[in-house]
Amino acid sequence: MSYVYVSIDRATLPEEMLDLQKAQMRVAYDDDDDFITRVIQRAIALFEKKSGLSVFLAEVEWIPDGHDSYSAQGARCPRQPVSAWTANADAVDVSDSYTLTGRTGVYFCPIAEQSSAPGLEWFPGVLVTMTVGYATVEDMDPGVLDVILRMGAHLYENRQSTTDVNLEEVPLFLDDLLVDHWVPRV
């Protein structure tokens, strides 16, 4: 699957989530705001890694090719959720010839009458530019937000890598929360 990040906004969501995270952790002072913002960034990155979903707002360029996960539904989009997209072939916008389908696994495919043609090359030279992730906290799935806030609280409280006592790992309950947001990967 060949895709590349053109841009990633790692600042907006953590800044917007700061007050929510502080309320989650019952932190009333501002001394740790910079550290808490970095904790939120790490929690989001960990969520993205574990779930396969994009949370940070990003622009991704993707060229569907023979290495992608194809099915009768089309090619699985490499990053999700997708909020906007365009498809170009030889610098010509061909977006009207394609569609995105699916809820838990988003597929990029030609319009129905094209996809049923035997032997059709579905994506000859198509460059898909997608906006993935969430622009604001209000756009986020409440379950995703909950998992990130819990991860952030854990990372804040357990900031040391070693202690005199048992090492603390990311709590197992987070895996249970993540399972609802997991996206099958290729």
C-alpha atoms as a PDB file:
ATOM      1  CA  MET A   1       0.000   0.000   0.000  1.00  0.00           C
ATOM      2  CA  SER A   2       1.743   3.142  -1.124  1.00  0.00           C
ATOM      3  CA  TYR A   3       0.636   6.313   0.600  1.00  0.00           C
ATOM      4  CA  VAL A   4       2.496   9.298   1.924  1.00  0.00           C
ATOM      5  CA  TYR A   5       1.588  11.990   4.438  1.00  0.00           C
ATOM      6  CA  VAL A   6       1.699  15.409   2.808  1.00  0.00           C
ATOM      7  CA  SER A   7       0.945  17.198   6.077  1.00  0.00           C
ATOM      8  CA  ILE A   8      -0.021  16.297   9.645  1.00  0.00           C
ATOM      9  CA  ASP A   9      -1.434  18.759  12.179  1.00  0.00           C
ATOM     10  CA  ARG A  10      -0.177  17.487  15.540  1.00  0.00           C
ATOM     11  CA  ALA A  11      -0.876  20.755  17.373  1.00  0.00           C
ATOM     12  CA  THR A  12      -4.563  21.689  17.011  1.00  0.00           C
ATOM     13  CA  LEU A  13      -6.294  18.728  18.678  1.00  0.00           C
ATOM     14  CA  PRO A  14      -3.968  18.505  21.706  1.00  0.00           C
ATOM     15  CA  GLU A  15      -4.354  22.238  22.346  1.00  0.00           C
ATOM     16  CA  GLU A  16      -8.123  21.958  21.967  1.00  0.00           C
ATOM     17  CA  MET A  17      -8.216  18.899  24.254  1.00  0.00           C
ATOM     18  CA  LEU A  18      -6.105  20.434  27.042  1.00  0.00           C
ATOM     19  CA  ASP A  19      -9.022  21.528  29.254  1.00  0.00           C
ATOM     20  CA  LEU A  20     -10.806  18.187  28.742  1.00  0.00           C
ATOM     21  CA  GLN A  21      -7.660  16.280  29.653  1.00  0.00           C
ATOM     22  CA  LYS A  22      -7.067  18.408  32.749  1.00  0.00           C
ATOM     23  CA  ALA A  23     -10.673  17.830  33.855  1.00  0.00           C
ATOM     24  CA  GLN A  24     -10.244  14.075  33.278  1.00  0.00           C
ATOM     25  CA  MET A  25      -7.146  14.117  35.500  1.00  0.00           C
ATOM     26  CA  ARG A  26      -8.525  16.665  38.003  1.00  0.00           C
ATOM     27  CA  VAL A  27      -5.603  19.025  37.431  1.00  0.00           C
ATOM     28  CA  ALA A  28      -6.564  22.596  38.397  1.00  0.00           C
ATOM     29  CA  TYR A  29      -3.254  24.401  37.872  1.00  0.00           C
ATOM     30  CA  ASP A  30      -1.505  25.539  34.677  1.00  0.00           C
ATOM     31  CA  ASP A  31       2.094  24.632  35.542  1.00  0.00           C
ATOM     32  CA  ASP A  32       1.995  21.345  33.591  1.00  0.00           C
ATOM     33  CA  ASP A  33       0.056  22.566  30.531  1.00  0.00           C
ATOM     34  CA  ASP A  34       2.966  22.084  28.115  1.00  0.00           C
ATOM     35  CA  PHE A  35       3.673  18.614  29.476  1.00  0.00           C
ATOM     36  CA  ILE A  36      -0.013  17.652  29.373  1.00  0.00           C
ATOM     37  CA  THR A  37      -0.245  18.820  25.760  1.00  0.00           C
ATOM     38  CA  ARG A  38       2.691  16.551  24.880  1.00  0.00           C
ATOM     39  CA  VAL A  39       1.027  13.711  26.820  1.00  0.00           C
ATOM     40  CA  ILE A  40      -2.105  14.184  24.679  1.00  0.00           C
ATOM     41  CA  GLN A  41       0.036  14.037  21.535  1.00  0.00           C
ATOM     42  CA  ARG A  42       1.591  10.772  22.728  1.00  0.00           C
ATOM     43  CA  ALA A  43      -1.823   9.337  23.656  1.00  0.00           C
ATOM     44  CA  ILE A  44      -3.187  10.165  20.199  1.00  0.00           C
ATOM     45  CA  ALA A  45      -0.113   8.650  18.519  1.00  0.00           C
ATOM     46  CA  LEU A  46      -0.499   5.489  20.613  1.00  0.00           C
ATOM     47  CA  PHE A  47      -4.200   5.282  19.730  1.00  0.00           C
ATOM     48  CA  GLU A  48      -3.396   5.674  16.017  1.00  0.00           C
ATOM     49  CA  LYS A  49      -0.751   2.965  16.211  1.00  0.00           C
ATOM     50  CA  LYS A  50      -2.973   0.494  18.085  1.00  0.00           C
ATOM     51  CA  SER A  51      -6.241   1.127  16.204  1.00  0.00           C
ATOM     52  CA  GLY A  52      -5.168   1.933  12.644  1.00  0.00           C
ATOM     53  CA  LEU A  53      -7.379   5.048  12.652  1.00  0.00           C
ATOM     54  CA  SER A  54      -6.125   8.552  11.979  1.00  0.00           C
ATOM     55  CA  VAL A  55      -6.905  11.086  14.696  1.00  0.00           C
ATOM     56  CA  PHE A  56      -4.513  13.927  13.863  1.00  0.00           C
ATOM     57  CA  LEU A  57      -5.870  15.871  10.884  1.00  0.00           C
ATOM     58  CA  ALA A  58      -3.680  15.010   7.912  1.00  0.00           C
ATOM     59  CA  GLU A  59      -3.495  15.135   4.148  1.00  0.00           C
ATOM     60  CA  VAL A  60      -2.515  11.854   2.537  1.00  0.00           C
ATOM     61  CA  GLU A  61      -1.627  11.063  -1.065  1.00  0.00           C
ATOM     62  CA  TRP A  62      -2.343   7.504  -2.135  1.00  0.00           C
ATOM     63  CA  ILE A  63      -1.863   5.695  -5.426  1.00  0.00           C
ATOM     64  CA  PRO A  64      -3.973   2.507  -5.395  1.00  0.00           C
ATOM     65  CA  ASP A  65      -1.846  -0.265  -6.841  1.00  0.00           C
ATOM     66  CA  GLY A  66      -1.533  -4.047  -6.917  1.00  0.00           C
ATOM     67  CA  HIS A  67      -0.312  -4.103  -3.296  1.00  0.00           C
ATOM     68  CA  ASP A  68      -3.572  -2.754  -1.893  1.00  0.00           C
ATOM     69  CA  SER A  69      -6.287  -4.834  -0.301  1.00  0.00           C
ATOM     70  CA  TYR A  70      -8.723  -5.362  -3.159  1.00  0.00           C
ATOM     71  CA  SER A  71     -12.099  -7.036  -2.973  1.00  0.00           C
ATOM     72  CA  ALA A  72     -15.375  -6.814  -4.823  1.00  0.00           C
ATOM     73  CA  GLN A  73     -15.928  -3.628  -2.820  1.00  0.00           C
ATOM     74  CA  GLY A  74     -12.815  -1.893  -4.164  1.00  0.00           C
ATOM     75  CA  ALA A  75      -9.470  -1.016  -2.586  1.00  0.00           C
ATOM     76  CA  ARG A  76      -9.304  -0.425   1.156  1.00  0.00           C
ATOM     77  CA  CYS A  77      -8.314   3.156   1.982  1.00  0.00           C
ATOM     78  CA  PRO A  78      -4.984   3.173   3.815  1.00  0.00           C
ATOM     79  CA  ARG A  79      -6.049   5.747   6.434  1.00  0.00           C
ATOM     80  CA  GLN A  80      -9.451   6.439   7.976  1.00  0.00           C
ATOM     81  CA  PRO A  81     -11.709   8.295   8.712  1.00  0.00           C
ATOM     82  CA  VAL A  82     -11.777  10.185   5.425  1.00  0.00           C
ATOM     83  CA  SER A  83     -13.522  13.581   5.489  1.00  0.00           C
ATOM     84  CA  ALA A  84     -12.639  14.806   1.989  1.00  0.00           C
ATOM     85  CA  TRP A  85     -10.931  13.394  -1.076  1.00  0.00           C
ATOM     86  CA  THR A  86     -10.140  13.984  -4.732  1.00  0.00           C
ATOM     87  CA  ALA A  87      -8.956  11.610  -7.436  1.00  0.00           C
ATOM     88  CA  ASN A  88      -6.723  12.773 -10.282  1.00  0.00           C
ATOM     89  CA  ALA A  89      -5.427  10.949 -13.333  1.00  0.00           C
ATOM     90  CA  ASP A  90      -2.832  12.775 -15.437  1.00  0.00           C
ATOM     91  CA  ALA A  91      -3.672  16.056 -13.634  1.00  0.00           C
ATOM     92  CA  VAL A  92      -7.376  15.695 -14.535  1.00  0.00           C
ATOM     93  CA  ASP A  93      -9.965  15.497 -11.753  1.00  0.00           C
ATOM     94  CA  VAL A  94     -11.700  12.110 -12.097  1.00  0.00           C
ATOM     95  CA  SER A  95     -13.383  12.168  -8.672  1.00  0.00           C
ATOM     96  CA  ASP A  96     -16.842  11.806 -10.226  1.00  0.00           C
ATOM     97  CA  SER A  97     -15.838   8.383 -11.563  1.00  0.00           C
ATOM     98  CA  TYR A  98     -15.118   7.003  -8.072  1.00  0.00           C
ATOM     99  CA  THR A  99     -16.806   6.684  -4.710  1.00  0.00           C
ATOM    100  CA  LEU A 100     -16.008   5.855  -1.103  1.00  0.00           C
ATOM    101  CA  THR A 101     -18.107   3.131   0.504  1.00  0.00           C
ATOM    102  CA  GLY A 102     -18.263   1.361   3.839  1.00  0.00           C
ATOM    103  CA  ARG A 103     -18.326   2.330   7.474  1.00  0.00           C
ATOM    104  CA  THR A 104     -15.736   0.343   9.442  1.00  0.00           C
ATOM    105  CA  GLY A 105     -13.519  -0.292   6.440  1.00  0.00           C
ATOM    106  CA  VAL A 106     -13.660   2.476   3.850  1.00  0.00           C
ATOM    107  CA  TYR A 107     -13.204   1.323   0.270  1.00  0.00           C
ATOM    108  CA  PHE A 108     -12.306   3.398  -2.750  1.00  0.00           C
ATOM    109  CA  CYS A 109     -13.880   2.054  -5.906  1.00  0.00           C
ATOM    110  CA  PRO A 110     -15.107   2.989  -9.356  1.00  0.00           C
ATOM    111  CA  ILE A 111     -18.773   3.838  -9.803  1.00  0.00           C
ATOM    112  CA  ALA A 112     -20.868   0.632  -9.846  1.00  0.00           C
ATOM    113  CA  GLU A 113     -21.196   0.126 -13.609  1.00  0.00           C
ATOM    114  CA  GLN A 114     -17.423   0.320 -14.063  1.00  0.00           C
ATOM    115  CA  SER A 115     -16.506  -2.022 -11.222  1.00  0.00           C
ATOM    116  CA  SER A 116     -18.547  -4.908 -12.636  1.00  0.00           C
ATOM    117  CA  ALA A 117     -16.710  -4.906 -15.976  1.00  0.00           C
ATOM    118  CA  PRO A 118     -14.478  -8.005 -16.199  1.00  0.00           C
ATOM    119  CA  GLY A 119     -10.778  -7.315 -16.581  1.00  0.00           C
ATOM    120  CA  LEU A 120     -11.143  -3.588 -15.916  1.00  0.00           C
ATOM    121  CA  GLU A 121      -8.079  -1.936 -14.439  1.00  0.00           C
ATOM    122  CA  TRP A 122      -9.763  -0.089 -11.617  1.00  0.00           C
ATOM    123  CA  PHE A 123      -7.196   2.581 -10.872  1.00  0.00           C
ATOM    124  CA  PRO A 124      -4.911   3.247 -13.847  1.00  0.00           C
ATOM    125  CA  GLY A 125      -2.660   6.143 -12.811  1.00  0.00           C
ATOM    126  CA  VAL A 126      -5.047   7.557 -10.204  1.00  0.00           C
ATOM    127  CA  LEU A 127      -3.672   9.734  -7.409  1.00  0.00           C
ATOM    128  CA  VAL A 128      -6.086  10.037  -4.484  1.00  0.00           C
ATOM    129  CA  THR A 129      -5.613  12.952  -2.101  1.00  0.00           C
ATOM    130  CA  MET A 130      -7.489  12.456   1.167  1.00  0.00           C
ATOM    131  CA  THR A 131      -8.087  14.508   4.268  1.00  0.00           C
ATOM    132  CA  VAL A 132      -8.085  12.054   7.174  1.00  0.00           C
ATOM    133  CA  GLY A 133      -8.491  12.392  10.925  1.00  0.00           C
ATOM    134  CA  TYR A 134     -10.488  14.907  12.921  1.00  0.00           C
ATOM    135  CA  ALA A 135     -10.466  18.693  12.508  1.00  0.00           C
ATOM    136  CA  THR A 136     -11.973  19.399  15.942  1.00  0.00           C
ATOM    137  CA  VAL A 137     -12.787  17.577  19.160  1.00  0.00           C
ATOM    138  CA  GLU A 138     -16.494  17.908  18.288  1.00  0.00           C
ATOM    139  CA  ASP A 139     -15.865  15.810  15.150  1.00  0.00           C
ATOM    140  CA  MET A 140     -14.363  12.945  17.166  1.00  0.00           C
ATOM    141  CA  ASP A 141     -16.246   9.776  17.965  1.00  0.00           C
ATOM    142  CA  PRO A 142     -16.977   9.934  21.724  1.00  0.00           C
ATOM    143  CA  GLY A 143     -15.436   6.478  22.189  1.00  0.00           C
ATOM    144  CA  VAL A 144     -12.209   7.591  20.519  1.00  0.00           C
ATOM    145  CA  LEU A 145     -12.079  10.699  22.703  1.00  0.00           C
ATOM    146  CA  ASP A 146     -12.674   8.611  25.839  1.00  0.00           C
ATOM    147  CA  VAL A 147      -9.837   6.209  25.036  1.00  0.00           C
ATOM    148  CA  ILE A 148      -7.414   9.061  24.303  1.00  0.00           C
ATOM    149  CA  LEU A 149      -8.300  10.895  27.534  1.00  0.00           C
ATOM    150  CA  ARG A 150      -7.811   7.705  29.564  1.00  0.00           C
ATOM    151  CA  MET A 151      -4.479   6.997  27.859  1.00  0.00           C
ATOM    152  CA  GLY A 152      -3.414  10.587  28.495  1.00  0.00           C
ATOM    153  CA  ALA A 153      -4.299  10.328  32.181  1.00  0.00           C
ATOM    154  CA  HIS A 154      -2.328   7.101  32.463  1.00  0.00           C
ATOM    155  CA  LEU A 155       0.714   8.577  30.702  1.00  0.00           C
ATOM    156  CA  TYR A 156       0.572  11.690  32.919  1.00  0.00           C
ATOM    157  CA  GLU A 157       0.372   9.726  36.161  1.00  0.00           C
ATOM    158  CA  ASN A 158       3.018   7.189  35.105  1.00  0.00           C
ATOM    159  CA  ARG A 159       5.605   9.440  33.519  1.00  0.00           C
ATOM    160  CA  GLN A 160       8.631   7.648  34.917  1.00  0.00           C
ATOM    161  CA  SER A 161      10.124   4.769  32.974  1.00  0.00           C
ATOM    162  CA  THR A 162      11.417   2.993  36.085  1.00  0.00           C
ATOM    163  CA  THR A 163      10.426   2.916  39.733  1.00  0.00           C
ATOM    164  CA  ASP A 164      11.375   1.202  43.000  1.00  0.00           C
ATOM    165  CA  VAL A 165       8.248  -0.902  42.695  1.00  0.00           C
ATOM    166  CA  ASN A 166       6.560  -2.729  39.820  1.00  0.00           C
ATOM    167  CA  LEU A 167       6.599  -1.044  36.446  1.00  0.00           C
ATOM    168  CA  GLU A 168       3.212   0.177  35.260  1.00  0.00           C
ATOM    169  CA  GLU A 169       2.126  -0.665  31.731  1.00  0.00           C
ATOM    170  CA  VAL A 170      -0.687   0.806  29.700  1.00  0.00           C
ATOM    171  CA  PRO A 171      -3.777  -0.602  31.429  1.00  0.00           C
ATOM    172  CA  LEU A 172      -5.351  -3.633  29.765  1.00  0.00           C
ATOM    173  CA  PHE A 173      -8.800  -2.008  29.828  1.00  0.00           C
ATOM    174  CA  LEU A 174      -7.566   0.261  27.037  1.00  0.00           C
ATOM    175  CA  ASP A 175      -7.298  -2.746  24.722  1.00  0.00           C
ATOM    176  CA  ASP A 176     -10.971  -3.483  25.453  1.00  0.00           C
ATOM    177  CA  LEU A 177     -11.901   0.101  24.588  1.00  0.00           C
ATOM    178  CA  LEU A 178      -9.759   0.075  21.438  1.00  0.00           C
ATOM    179  CA  VAL A 179     -11.406  -3.030  20.002  1.00  0.00           C
ATOM    180  CA  ASP A 180     -14.508  -1.008  19.036  1.00  0.00           C
ATOM    181  CA  HIS A 181     -12.360   1.351  16.944  1.00  0.00           C
ATOM    182  CA  TRP A 182      -9.951  -1.106  15.376  1.00  0.00           C
ATOM    183  CA  VAL A 183      -9.690  -0.999  11.578  1.00  0.00           C
ATOM    184  CA  PRO A 184      -8.641  -4.186   9.766  1.00  0.00           C
ATOM    185  CA  ARG A 185      -5.290  -3.703   8.069  1.00  0.00           C
ATOM    186  CA  VAL A 186      -3.872  -5.178   4.929  1.00  0.00           C
END
